C-alpha cells in the first residue's frame, strides 16, 4: 500500500515548464516543454513514466546534433507551434547545405 502512495506523490509533483536541449558542442537551448514534446522522441525521453534520466533532469543531450543544427530544430518547433492551426502557412526556410543533416535529425525526432 505504501508503494501506491509513493506513486501518487510522484505523479502529483509539478513538472518543469522548460527543458534544456544540449548540442554536441555544448550549446544549451532552453525551450518550453510543450515545444519539445512536439517530437515524439523527445516526449518519450521526458515522460516520467519511462523513468529516463532526462525526465528527472529536464535536460536532453543530443550528441549527434551540433549547435547550428539544433538551433534550426528549435526554430522549427517554434514554427510548428505558431502555424499548426493556420491555413496560410509560410515556407520554413532551410539552407541547402543543412538539408541532409536536418532530414536525418527530423527522422530521429519524428517531426
Protein backbone atom coordinates (compact mmCIF):
# COMPACT_ATOMS: atom_id res chain seq x y z
CA UNK A 1 0.00 0.00 0.00
CA UNK A 2 2.89 2.38 0.67
CA UNK A 3 4.09 1.81 -2.90
CA UNK A 4 0.80 3.16 -4.20
CA UNK A 5 1.15 6.27 -2.04
CA UNK A 6 4.64 6.98 -3.39
CA UNK A 7 3.37 6.62 -6.97
CA UNK A 8 0.67 9.19 -6.30
CA UNK A 9 3.21 11.54 -4.75
CA UNK A 10 5.45 11.26 -7.81
CA UNK A 11 2.53 11.83 -10.18
CA UNK A 12 1.41 14.94 -8.32
CA UNK A 13 4.76 16.73 -8.29
CA UNK A 14 4.83 19.58 -10.81
CA UNK A 15 6.86 19.13 -13.96
CA UNK A 16 9.16 21.88 -15.13
CA UNK A 17 7.66 24.20 -17.72
CA UNK A 18 11.02 24.33 -19.52
CA UNK A 19 13.56 21.79 -20.72
CA UNK A 20 17.16 22.16 -21.78
CA UNK A 21 18.39 20.73 -25.08
CA UNK A 22 22.17 20.43 -25.30
CA UNK A 23 24.05 20.19 -28.60
CA UNK A 24 27.13 18.06 -29.27
CA UNK A 25 29.31 21.16 -28.96
CA UNK A 26 27.84 22.11 -25.59
CA UNK A 27 25.39 24.87 -26.51
CA UNK A 28 22.23 24.84 -24.41
CA UNK A 29 18.77 25.75 -25.66
CA UNK A 30 16.11 26.27 -23.00
CA UNK A 31 12.67 25.83 -24.52
CA UNK A 32 9.12 25.26 -23.37
CA UNK A 33 8.43 21.61 -22.56
CA UNK A 34 5.34 21.71 -24.81
CA UNK A 35 7.59 22.57 -27.78
CA UNK A 36 9.99 19.71 -27.05
CA UNK A 37 7.02 17.36 -26.77
CA UNK A 38 6.05 18.10 -30.38
CA UNK A 39 8.72 15.47 -31.09
CA UNK A 40 7.51 12.01 -30.03
CA UNK A 41 11.15 11.06 -29.42
CA UNK A 42 11.77 13.95 -27.03
CA UNK A 43 8.33 13.48 -25.46
CA UNK A 44 9.21 9.87 -24.63
CA UNK A 45 12.50 10.93 -23.08
CA UNK A 46 10.66 13.49 -20.94
CA UNK A 47 7.83 11.14 -19.96
CA UNK A 48 8.24 10.43 -16.26
CA UNK A 49 6.57 7.02 -16.55
CA UNK A 50 9.56 5.73 -18.56
CA UNK A 51 11.98 6.89 -15.83
CA UNK A 52 14.66 8.16 -18.21
CA UNK A 53 17.22 10.40 -16.54
CA UNK A 54 16.21 13.13 -18.99
CA UNK A 55 12.76 13.32 -17.39
CA UNK A 56 14.27 13.82 -13.94
CA UNK A 57 16.86 16.37 -15.07
CA UNK A 58 14.67 18.16 -17.64
CA UNK A 59 17.74 18.05 -19.87
CA UNK A 60 18.36 16.16 -23.11
CA UNK A 61 21.82 15.90 -24.62
CA UNK A 62 21.64 15.40 -28.39
CA UNK A 63 25.14 14.14 -29.14
CA UNK A 64 24.56 13.87 -32.88
CA UNK A 65 23.43 17.49 -33.37
CA UNK A 66 25.77 20.46 -33.36
CA UNK A 67 24.52 23.87 -32.24
CA UNK A 68 23.71 25.08 -35.78
CA UNK A 69 21.54 22.04 -36.46
CA UNK A 70 19.88 22.07 -33.04
CA UNK A 71 19.12 25.77 -33.38
CA UNK A 72 17.30 25.04 -36.66
CA UNK A 73 15.38 22.20 -35.00
CA UNK A 74 14.33 24.56 -32.19
CA UNK A 75 13.32 27.15 -34.81
CA UNK A 76 11.16 24.51 -36.46
CA UNK A 77 9.50 23.56 -33.17
CA UNK A 78 8.52 27.21 -32.63
CA UNK A 79 7.38 27.45 -36.28
CA UNK A 80 5.27 24.30 -35.89
CA UNK A 81 3.64 25.62 -32.72
CA UNK A 82 2.90 29.00 -34.29
CA UNK A 83 1.43 27.73 -37.57
CA UNK A 84 -0.02 24.30 -36.71
CA UNK A 85 -3.60 25.56 -36.74
CA UNK A 86 -3.29 28.15 -39.51
CA UNK A 87 -4.49 27.86 -43.10
CA UNK A 88 -1.90 30.17 -44.63
CA UNK A 89 1.47 28.72 -43.62
CA UNK A 90 4.69 30.33 -44.88
CA UNK A 91 7.56 28.15 -46.07
CA UNK A 92 10.06 27.08 -43.44
CA UNK A 93 13.40 28.18 -44.86
CA UNK A 94 16.16 25.56 -44.84
CA UNK A 95 19.70 26.36 -46.01
CA UNK A 96 20.66 23.95 -48.79
CA UNK A 97 23.89 22.93 -47.06
CA UNK A 98 21.91 21.90 -43.97
CA UNK A 99 19.12 19.96 -45.73
CA UNK A 100 20.53 16.44 -45.40
CA UNK A 101 21.54 16.81 -41.75
CA UNK A 102 18.16 18.33 -40.96
CA UNK A 103 16.40 15.45 -42.68
CA UNK A 104 18.31 12.94 -40.53
CA UNK A 105 17.52 14.96 -37.37
CA UNK A 106 13.84 15.20 -38.32
CA UNK A 107 13.73 11.44 -38.88
CA UNK A 108 15.30 10.78 -35.46
CA UNK A 109 12.93 13.23 -33.75
CA UNK A 110 9.94 12.04 -35.80
CA UNK A 111 8.92 15.59 -36.73
